[in-house]
Protein backbone atom coordinates (compact mmCIF):
# COMPACT_ATOMS: atom_id res chain seq x y z
CA MET A 1 -20.06 9.82 20.28
CA HIS A 2 -19.66 10.78 16.60
CA VAL A 3 -19.68 14.50 15.75
CA ASN A 4 -19.89 15.40 12.18
CA MET A 5 -19.34 19.25 11.05
CA GLU A 6 -20.32 19.93 7.53
CA LEU A 7 -19.08 23.40 6.60
CA ALA A 8 -21.13 25.65 4.41
CA LEU A 9 -20.27 27.09 0.96
CA ASN A 10 -18.42 30.21 2.44
CA VAL A 11 -17.21 30.10 6.03
CA SER A 12 -16.43 33.60 7.15
CA PHE A 13 -14.51 34.94 10.11
CA GLN A 14 -18.13 35.93 11.39
CA ASN A 15 -18.58 32.12 12.02
CA LYS A 16 -15.45 32.03 14.24
CA ARG A 17 -16.93 32.24 17.66
CA LYS A 18 -19.74 29.99 16.94
CA ILE A 19 -17.36 27.33 15.42
CA LYS A 20 -14.90 27.67 18.37
CA GLU A 21 -17.45 27.32 20.91
CA ALA A 22 -18.98 24.04 19.23
CA LEU A 23 -15.60 22.29 19.02
CA ASP A 24 -15.09 23.36 22.74
CA ARG A 25 -18.27 21.40 23.52
CA ILE A 26 -17.32 18.33 22.15
CA PRO A 27 -16.78 15.66 24.83
CA PRO A 28 -13.86 13.74 25.42
CA TYR A 29 -13.29 10.42 23.49
CA SER A 30 -15.47 11.55 20.63
CA ILE A 31 -14.79 10.81 16.82
CA VAL A 32 -14.75 14.16 15.28
CA THR A 33 -15.21 14.76 11.30
CA ILE A 34 -15.02 18.46 9.84
CA ASP A 35 -15.93 18.06 6.17
CA GLY A 36 -15.11 21.14 4.16
CA THR A 37 -15.98 19.40 0.82
CA ARG A 38 -18.70 21.64 -0.20
CA SER A 39 -16.83 24.88 0.85
CA ILE A 40 -15.35 27.23 -1.75
CA ASN A 41 -13.90 29.53 0.65
CA ILE A 42 -12.98 29.07 4.44
CA ASP A 43 -11.55 32.21 5.99
CA HIS A 44 -7.98 31.92 7.36
CA GLY A 45 -9.05 32.61 11.01
CA ILE A 46 -11.31 29.51 10.72
CA LEU A 47 -8.65 27.29 9.47
CA GLU A 48 -6.42 28.41 12.33
CA ILE A 49 -9.21 27.41 14.78
CA PHE A 50 -9.19 23.93 13.21
CA GLN A 51 -5.33 23.61 13.50
CA GLU A 52 -5.40 24.66 17.15
CA PHE A 53 -8.19 22.14 17.88
CA ARG A 54 -6.19 19.46 16.02
CA SER A 55 -3.31 20.15 18.45
CA LYS A 56 -5.51 19.60 21.42
CA THR A 57 -7.02 16.22 20.27
CA ARG A 58 -4.59 14.13 22.03
CA GLN A 59 -5.24 15.48 25.50
CA ARG A 60 -8.96 15.44 24.78
CA HIS A 61 -8.67 11.99 23.58
CA LEU A 62 -10.47 12.89 20.43
CA GLN A 63 -9.99 11.03 17.00
CA LEU A 64 -10.12 13.82 14.34
CA GLU A 65 -10.53 13.64 10.61
CA LEU A 66 -10.39 16.84 8.60
CA LYS A 67 -11.79 16.41 5.00
CA ASN A 68 -10.66 18.88 2.41
CA ILE A 69 -9.62 21.40 5.05
CA PRO A 70 -6.12 23.15 4.00
CA GLU A 71 -3.50 23.09 6.69
CA VAL A 72 -2.17 26.56 7.89
CA SER A 73 0.58 27.57 10.30
CA VAL A 74 -0.50 28.91 13.64
CA ILE A 75 1.72 31.29 15.14
CA GLU A 76 1.25 32.02 18.86
CA LEU A 77 1.97 35.21 20.25
CA HIS A 78 3.24 35.40 23.95
């Protein structure tokens, strides 16, 4: 299965739950493209979700491509 997520012009923290739920529903062994080419602003919390998702791709057997999505450091609090 190929999943293509094209981000909007502005992606705010209000989209956080919806994006997280969509990523969690992606079945194993999928090819996933998240495209931020058209985005002017992506909230830092959303960028963290993408980085956390990236860290889980191996265990879920996903192939991930992030287009024009800046990398951020994710700090886990225990």
